[in-house]
Structures are given as structure tokens and as C-alpha cells.
Amino acid sequence: MPTQPQLAMHAANALAIQILANDILENPKLAMQWLLTPSMLLDGNRPIDALATRHGYERVQQLLTRLGHGVGL
């Protein structure tokens, strides 16, 4: 069972990714759709689900950053 600090960190990471997605995609509805859509680049997982691990968080952050810079995914 996750500890209180782990849950707080997960919530903070999820919020940071949602803000980043909103900024990059410039549309909160589109950002949420992106977060809820399975991605082959995340082994078929949804970005929102990948945030459960530190590695997944970093991978989602990388994908959004690449998208923001116009680099093909």
C-alpha cells in the first residue's frame, strides 16, 4: 500500500503532466483525450496509467516534450 508521501507525489506528478499537456496541446479537452488514449509508445498503456511509476512519468513527460518541439513520435 502506498504511503501518504508517495500518494502526494503521484498526485503532484499527475497534475504536472496535465498542466504540461494543456500547455503543449493548447486545449484542455484535447489534453485529457491524449492522456486517456492508449499509446503504442507506452506499450499500449494510457499516459494517465503510465504515471503510476517514476519511469512512466518520465516517459510521458518525454513524449509531451517531443510533441511540443514538433519532433515526431
PDB file of N, CA and C in Angstrom:
ATOM      1  N   MET A   1       0.849  -1.178   0.000  1.00  0.00           N
ATOM      2  CA  MET A   1       0.000   0.000   0.000  1.00  0.00           C
ATOM      3  C   MET A   1       0.896   1.244   0.000  1.00  0.00           C
ATOM      4  N   PRO A   2       0.605   2.204  -0.883  1.00  0.00           N
ATOM      5  CA  PRO A   2       1.433   3.413  -0.946  1.00  0.00           C
ATOM      6  C   PRO A   2       1.319   4.243   0.331  1.00  0.00           C
ATOM      7  N   THR A   3       2.407   4.889   0.659  1.00  0.00           N
ATOM      8  CA  THR A   3       2.413   5.775   1.815  1.00  0.00           C
ATOM      9  C   THR A   3       1.811   7.124   1.432  1.00  0.00           C
ATOM     10  N   GLN A   4       1.490   7.917   2.432  1.00  0.00           N
ATOM     11  CA  GLN A   4       0.928   9.249   2.181  1.00  0.00           C
ATOM     12  C   GLN A   4       1.865  10.105   1.317  1.00  0.00           C
ATOM     13  N   PRO A   5       3.175  10.136   1.592  1.00  0.00           N
ATOM     14  CA  PRO A   5       4.067  10.922   0.724  1.00  0.00           C
ATOM     15  C   PRO A   5       4.108  10.399  -0.716  1.00  0.00           C
ATOM     16  N   GLN A   6       4.021   9.077  -0.885  1.00  0.00           N
ATOM     17  CA  GLN A   6       4.007   8.512  -2.240  1.00  0.00           C
ATOM     18  C   GLN A   6       2.738   8.927  -2.983  1.00  0.00           C
ATOM     19  N   LEU A   7       1.611   8.908  -2.305  1.00  0.00           N
ATOM     20  CA  LEU A   7       0.354   9.335  -2.921  1.00  0.00           C
ATOM     21  C   LEU A   7       0.408  10.817  -3.286  1.00  0.00           C
ATOM     22  N   ALA A   8       0.983  11.612  -2.414  1.00  0.00           N
ATOM     23  CA  ALA A   8       1.107  13.045  -2.683  1.00  0.00           C
ATOM     24  C   ALA A   8       2.011  13.289  -3.889  1.00  0.00           C
ATOM     25  N   MET A   9       3.094  12.540  -3.994  1.00  0.00           N
ATOM     26  CA  MET A   9       3.999  12.685  -5.131  1.00  0.00           C
ATOM     27  C   MET A   9       3.309  12.266  -6.425  1.00  0.00           C
ATOM     28  N   HIS A  10       2.549  11.190  -6.374  1.00  0.00           N
ATOM     29  CA  HIS A  10       1.818  10.735  -7.559  1.00  0.00           C
ATOM     30  C   HIS A  10       0.819  11.800  -8.003  1.00  0.00           C
ATOM     31  N   ALA A  11       0.095  12.386  -7.065  1.00  0.00           N
ATOM     32  CA  ALA A  11      -0.880  13.436  -7.394  1.00  0.00           C
ATOM     33  C   ALA A  11      -0.173  14.651  -7.994  1.00  0.00           C
ATOM     34  N   ALA A  12       0.959  15.030  -7.427  1.00  0.00           N
ATOM     35  CA  ALA A  12       1.717  16.172  -7.948  1.00  0.00           C
ATOM     36  C   ALA A  12       2.230  15.884  -9.360  1.00  0.00           C
ATOM     37  N   ASN A  13       2.708  14.669  -9.595  1.00  0.00           N
ATOM     38  CA  ASN A  13       3.185  14.290 -10.931  1.00  0.00           C
ATOM     39  C   ASN A  13       2.046  14.309 -11.947  1.00  0.00           C
ATOM     40  N   ALA A  14       0.892  13.778 -11.567  1.00  0.00           N
ATOM     41  CA  ALA A  14      -0.262  13.759 -12.471  1.00  0.00           C
ATOM     42  C   ALA A  14      -0.690  15.181 -12.815  1.00  0.00           C
ATOM     43  N   LEU A  15      -0.696  16.056 -11.831  1.00  0.00           N
ATOM     44  CA  LEU A  15      -1.065  17.456 -12.079  1.00  0.00           C
ATOM     45  C   LEU A  15      -0.050  18.129 -12.986  1.00  0.00           C
ATOM     46  N   ALA A  16       1.232  17.884 -12.754  1.00  0.00           N
ATOM     47  CA  ALA A  16       2.277  18.484 -13.589  1.00  0.00           C
ATOM     48  C   ALA A  16       2.143  18.028 -15.041  1.00  0.00           C
ATOM     49  N   ILE A  17       1.845  16.753 -15.253  1.00  0.00           N
ATOM     50  CA  ILE A  17       1.680  16.235 -16.613  1.00  0.00           C
ATOM     51  C   ILE A  17       0.430  16.822 -17.261  1.00  0.00           C
ATOM     52  N   GLN A  18      -0.639  16.952 -16.494  1.00  0.00           N
ATOM     53  CA  GLN A  18      -1.858  17.534 -17.056  1.00  0.00           C
ATOM     54  C   GLN A  18      -1.614  18.989 -17.469  1.00  0.00           C
ATOM     55  N   ILE A  19      -0.912  19.741 -16.662  1.00  0.00           N
ATOM     56  CA  ILE A  19      -0.582  21.131 -16.995  1.00  0.00           C
ATOM     57  C   ILE A  19       0.294  21.181 -18.234  1.00  0.00           C
ATOM     58  N   LEU A  20       1.296  20.316 -18.301  1.00  0.00           N
ATOM     59  CA  LEU A  20       2.181  20.271 -19.463  1.00  0.00           C
ATOM     60  C   LEU A  20       1.400  19.919 -20.724  1.00  0.00           C
ATOM     61  N   ALA A  21       0.519  18.926 -20.636  1.00  0.00           N
ATOM     62  CA  ALA A  21      -0.296  18.535 -21.790  1.00  0.00           C
ATOM     63  C   ALA A  21      -1.197  19.691 -22.228  1.00  0.00           C
ATOM     64  N   ASN A  22      -1.802  20.384 -21.272  1.00  0.00           N
ATOM     65  CA  ASN A  22      -2.643  21.544 -21.603  1.00  0.00           C
ATOM     66  C   ASN A  22      -1.832  22.615 -22.323  1.00  0.00           C
ATOM     67  N   ASP A  23      -0.639  22.888 -21.829  1.00  0.00           N
ATOM     68  CA  ASP A  23       0.217  23.913 -22.437  1.00  0.00           C
ATOM     69  C   ASP A  23       0.638  23.530 -23.846  1.00  0.00           C
ATOM     70  N   ILE A  24       1.033  22.289 -24.026  1.00  0.00           N
ATOM     71  CA  ILE A  24       1.539  21.854 -25.328  1.00  0.00           C
ATOM     72  C   ILE A  24       0.416  21.700 -26.346  1.00  0.00           C
ATOM     73  N   LEU A  25      -0.673  21.113 -25.936  1.00  0.00           N
ATOM     74  CA  LEU A  25      -1.768  20.861 -26.868  1.00  0.00           C
ATOM     75  C   LEU A  25      -2.718  22.055 -26.996  1.00  0.00           C
ATOM     76  N   GLU A  26      -2.570  23.017 -26.095  1.00  0.00           N
ATOM     77  CA  GLU A  26      -3.320  24.279 -26.118  1.00  0.00           C
ATOM     78  C   GLU A  26      -4.830  24.087 -26.099  1.00  0.00           C
ATOM     79  N   ASN A  27      -5.273  22.976 -25.502  1.00  0.00           N
ATOM     80  CA  ASN A  27      -6.696  22.685 -25.434  1.00  0.00           C
ATOM     81  C   ASN A  27      -6.895  21.658 -24.321  1.00  0.00           C
ATOM     82  N   PRO A  28      -7.489  22.048 -23.209  1.00  0.00           N
ATOM     83  CA  PRO A  28      -7.642  21.110 -22.086  1.00  0.00           C
ATOM     84  C   PRO A  28      -8.401  19.827 -22.450  1.00  0.00           C
ATOM     85  N   LYS A  29      -9.413  19.943 -23.283  1.00  0.00           N
ATOM     86  CA  LYS A  29     -10.175  18.752 -23.679  1.00  0.00           C
ATOM     87  C   LYS A  29      -9.300  17.804 -24.504  1.00  0.00           C
ATOM     88  N   LEU A  30      -8.533  18.345 -25.438  1.00  0.00           N
ATOM     89  CA  LEU A  30      -7.623  17.544 -26.247  1.00  0.00           C
ATOM     90  C   LEU A  30      -6.524  16.934 -25.377  1.00  0.00           C
ATOM     91  N   ALA A  31      -6.044  17.697 -24.402  1.00  0.00           N
ATOM     92  CA  ALA A  31      -5.012  17.186 -23.490  1.00  0.00           C
ATOM     93  C   ALA A  31      -5.537  15.992 -22.701  1.00  0.00           C
ATOM     94  N   MET A  32      -6.762  16.102 -22.194  1.00  0.00           N
ATOM     95  CA  MET A  32      -7.335  14.988 -21.430  1.00  0.00           C
ATOM     96  C   MET A  32      -7.557  13.786 -22.331  1.00  0.00           C
ATOM     97  N   GLN A  33      -7.994  14.025 -23.550  1.00  0.00           N
ATOM     98  CA  GLN A  33      -8.180  12.924 -24.504  1.00  0.00           C
ATOM     99  C   GLN A  33      -6.849  12.223 -24.756  1.00  0.00           C
ATOM    100  N   TRP A  34      -5.778  12.989 -24.918  1.00  0.00           N
ATOM    101  CA  TRP A  34      -4.444  12.415 -25.147  1.00  0.00           C
ATOM    102  C   TRP A  34      -4.024  11.568 -23.943  1.00  0.00           C
ATOM    103  N   LEU A  35      -4.273  12.070 -22.744  1.00  0.00           N
ATOM    104  CA  LEU A  35      -3.894  11.345 -21.533  1.00  0.00           C
ATOM    105  C   LEU A  35      -4.678  10.043 -21.359  1.00  0.00           C
ATOM    106  N   LEU A  36      -5.879   9.974 -21.912  1.00  0.00           N
ATOM    107  CA  LEU A  36      -6.739   8.800 -21.730  1.00  0.00           C
ATOM    108  C   LEU A  36      -6.704   7.816 -22.895  1.00  0.00           C
ATOM    109  N   THR A  37      -5.914   8.128 -23.925  1.00  0.00           N
ATOM    110  CA  THR A  37      -5.849   7.281 -25.117  1.00  0.00           C
ATOM    111  C   THR A  37      -4.624   6.367 -25.067  1.00  0.00           C
ATOM    112  N   PRO A  38      -4.819   5.058 -25.209  1.00  0.00           N
ATOM    113  CA  PRO A  38      -3.661   4.144 -25.214  1.00  0.00           C
ATOM    114  C   PRO A  38      -2.660   4.527 -26.307  1.00  0.00           C
ATOM    115  N   SER A  39      -1.392   4.341 -25.978  1.00  0.00           N
ATOM    116  CA  SER A  39      -0.313   4.695 -26.900  1.00  0.00           C
ATOM    117  C   SER A  39       0.617   3.510 -27.113  1.00  0.00           C
ATOM    118  N   MET A  40       0.917   3.238 -28.372  1.00  0.00           N
ATOM    119  CA  MET A  40       1.881   2.179 -28.674  1.00  0.00           C
ATOM    120  C   MET A  40       3.257   2.535 -28.112  1.00  0.00           C
ATOM    121  N   LEU A  41       3.536   3.821 -27.984  1.00  0.00           N
ATOM    122  CA  LEU A  41       4.827   4.255 -27.449  1.00  0.00           C
ATOM    123  C   LEU A  41       4.950   4.006 -25.947  1.00  0.00           C
ATOM    124  N   LEU A  42       3.822   3.678 -25.336  1.00  0.00           N
ATOM    125  CA  LEU A  42       3.808   3.321 -23.909  1.00  0.00           C
ATOM    126  C   LEU A  42       3.342   1.877 -23.745  1.00  0.00           C
ATOM    127  N   ASP A  43       3.702   1.051 -24.712  1.00  0.00           N
ATOM    128  CA  ASP A  43       3.354  -0.378 -24.690  1.00  0.00           C
ATOM    129  C   ASP A  43       1.849  -0.604 -24.601  1.00  0.00           C
ATOM    130  N   GLY A  44       1.090   0.259 -25.260  1.00  0.00           N
ATOM    131  CA  GLY A  44      -0.354   0.121 -25.278  1.00  0.00           C
ATOM    132  C   GLY A  44      -1.067   0.696 -24.065  1.00  0.00           C
ATOM    133  N   ASN A  45      -0.302   1.265 -23.151  1.00  0.00           N
ATOM    134  CA  ASN A  45      -0.895   1.864 -21.949  1.00  0.00           C
ATOM    135  C   ASN A  45      -1.349   3.289 -22.220  1.00  0.00           C
ATOM    136  N   ARG A  46      -2.288   3.746 -21.427  1.00  0.00           N
ATOM    137  CA  ARG A  46      -2.694   5.141 -21.495  1.00  0.00           C
ATOM    138  C   ARG A  46      -1.666   5.979 -20.734  1.00  0.00           C
ATOM    139  N   PRO A  47      -1.360   7.176 -21.216  1.00  0.00           N
ATOM    140  CA  PRO A  47      -0.413   8.033 -20.492  1.00  0.00           C
ATOM    141  C   PRO A  47      -0.799   8.225 -19.034  1.00  0.00           C
ATOM    142  N   ILE A  48      -2.076   8.401 -18.749  1.00  0.00           N
ATOM    143  CA  ILE A  48      -2.507   8.608 -17.370  1.00  0.00           C
ATOM    144  C   ILE A  48      -2.164   7.403 -16.500  1.00  0.00           C
ATOM    145  N   ASP A  49      -2.221   6.197 -17.050  1.00  0.00           N
ATOM    146  CA  ASP A  49      -1.888   4.996 -16.291  1.00  0.00           C
ATOM    147  C   ASP A  49      -0.379   4.841 -16.118  1.00  0.00           C
ATOM    148  N   ALA A  50       0.370   5.298 -17.097  1.00  0.00           N
ATOM    149  CA  ALA A  50       1.830   5.206 -17.029  1.00  0.00           C
ATOM    150  C   ALA A  50       2.393   6.044 -15.886  1.00  0.00           C
ATOM    151  N   LEU A  51       1.619   7.021 -15.433  1.00  0.00           N
ATOM    152  CA  LEU A  51       2.097   7.896 -14.361  1.00  0.00           C
ATOM    153  C   LEU A  51       2.225   7.194 -13.019  1.00  0.00           C
ATOM    154  N   ALA A  52       1.789   5.953 -12.944  1.00  0.00           N
ATOM    155  CA  ALA A  52       1.853   5.205 -11.686  1.00  0.00           C
ATOM    156  C   ALA A  52       3.289   4.897 -11.255  1.00  0.00           C
ATOM    157  N   THR A  53       4.230   4.965 -12.200  1.00  0.00           N
ATOM    158  CA  THR A  53       5.633   4.708 -11.855  1.00  0.00           C
ATOM    159  C   THR A  53       6.488   5.914 -12.242  1.00  0.00           C
ATOM    160  N   ARG A  54       7.628   6.029 -11.615  1.00  0.00           N
ATOM    161  CA  ARG A  54       8.552   7.121 -11.929  1.00  0.00           C
ATOM    162  C   ARG A  54       9.007   7.027 -13.385  1.00  0.00           C
ATOM    163  N   HIS A  55       9.321   5.819 -13.832  1.00  0.00           N
ATOM    164  CA  HIS A  55       9.749   5.618 -15.221  1.00  0.00           C
ATOM    165  C   HIS A  55       8.635   6.034 -16.186  1.00  0.00           C
ATOM    166  N   GLY A  56       7.397   5.639 -15.870  1.00  0.00           N
ATOM    167  CA  GLY A  56       6.265   6.005 -16.720  1.00  0.00           C
ATOM    168  C   GLY A  56       6.063   7.506 -16.769  1.00  0.00           C
ATOM    169  N   TYR A  57       6.189   8.154 -15.619  1.00  0.00           N
ATOM    170  CA  TYR A  57       6.075   9.617 -15.559  1.00  0.00           C
ATOM    171  C   TYR A  57       7.119  10.262 -16.468  1.00  0.00           C
ATOM    172  N   GLU A  58       8.352   9.805 -16.363  1.00  0.00           N
ATOM    173  CA  GLU A  58       9.430  10.368 -17.181  1.00  0.00           C
ATOM    174  C   GLU A  58       9.191  10.124 -18.664  1.00  0.00           C
ATOM    175  N   ARG A  59       8.675   8.966 -19.005  1.00  0.00           N
ATOM    176  CA  ARG A  59       8.392   8.642 -20.407  1.00  0.00           C
ATOM    177  C   ARG A  59       7.281   9.532 -20.966  1.00  0.00           C
ATOM    178  N   VAL A  60       6.207   9.722 -20.201  1.00  0.00           N
ATOM    179  CA  VAL A  60       5.115  10.593 -20.638  1.00  0.00           C
ATOM    180  C   VAL A  60       5.617  12.032 -20.787  1.00  0.00           C
ATOM    181  N   GLN A  61       6.425  12.471 -19.847  1.00  0.00           N
ATOM    182  CA  GLN A  61       6.995  13.822 -19.919  1.00  0.00           C
ATOM    183  C   GLN A  61       7.851  13.973 -21.184  1.00  0.00           C
ATOM    184  N   GLN A  62       8.647  12.968 -21.504  1.00  0.00           N
ATOM    185  CA  GLN A  62       9.467  12.997 -22.714  1.00  0.00           C
ATOM    186  C   GLN A  62       8.602  13.063 -23.971  1.00  0.00           C
ATOM    187  N   LEU A  63       7.552  12.259 -24.006  1.00  0.00           N
ATOM    188  CA  LEU A  63       6.665  12.256 -25.174  1.00  0.00           C
ATOM    189  C   LEU A  63       6.019  13.625 -25.373  1.00  0.00           C
ATOM    190  N   LEU A  64       5.539  14.221 -24.302  1.00  0.00           N
ATOM    191  CA  LEU A  64       4.921  15.542 -24.412  1.00  0.00           C
ATOM    192  C   LEU A  64       5.941  16.599 -24.833  1.00  0.00           C
ATOM    193  N   THR A  65       7.130  16.522 -24.291  1.00  0.00           N
ATOM    194  CA  THR A  65       8.175  17.484 -24.650  1.00  0.00           C
ATOM    195  C   THR A  65       8.529  17.360 -26.122  1.00  0.00           C
ATOM    196  N   ARG A  66       8.665  16.134 -26.604  1.00  0.00           N
ATOM    197  CA  ARG A  66       8.939  15.917 -28.032  1.00  0.00           C
ATOM    198  C   ARG A  66       7.809  16.457 -28.885  1.00  0.00           C
ATOM    199  N   LEU A  67       6.584  16.213 -28.471  1.00  0.00           N
ATOM    200  CA  LEU A  67       5.418  16.717 -29.179  1.00  0.00           C
ATOM    201  C   LEU A  67       5.432  18.251 -29.218  1.00  0.00           C
ATOM    202  N   GLY A  68       5.789  18.867 -28.107  1.00  0.00           N
ATOM    203  CA  GLY A  68       5.867  20.316 -28.020  1.00  0.00           C
ATOM    204  C   GLY A  68       6.933  20.919 -28.918  1.00  0.00           C
ATOM    205  N   HIS A  69       7.993  20.158 -29.159  1.00  0.00           N
ATOM    206  CA  HIS A  69       9.078  20.630 -30.020  1.00  0.00           C
ATOM    207  C   HIS A  69       8.868  20.220 -31.476  1.00  0.00           C
ATOM    208  N   GLY A  70       7.740  19.571 -31.748  1.00  0.00           N
ATOM    209  CA  GLY A  70       7.439  19.173 -33.124  1.00  0.00           C
ATOM    210  C   GLY A  70       8.215  17.961 -33.591  1.00  0.00           C
ATOM    211  N   VAL A  71       8.792  17.213 -32.659  1.00  0.00           N
ATOM    212  CA  VAL A  71       9.538  16.010 -33.007  1.00  0.00           C
ATOM    213  C   VAL A  71       8.537  14.880 -33.159  1.00  0.00           C
ATOM    214  N   GLY A  72       8.652  14.131 -34.233  1.00  0.00           N
ATOM    215  CA  GLY A  72       7.739  13.020 -34.468  1.00  0.00           C
ATOM    216  C   GLY A  72       7.788  11.994 -33.363  1.00  0.00           C
ATOM    217  N   LEU A  73       6.632  11.469 -33.053  1.00  0.00           N
ATOM    218  CA  LEU A  73       6.548  10.443 -32.022  1.00  0.00           C
ATOM    219  C   LEU A  73       6.596   9.109 -32.699  1.00  0.00           C
TER     220      LEU A  73
END
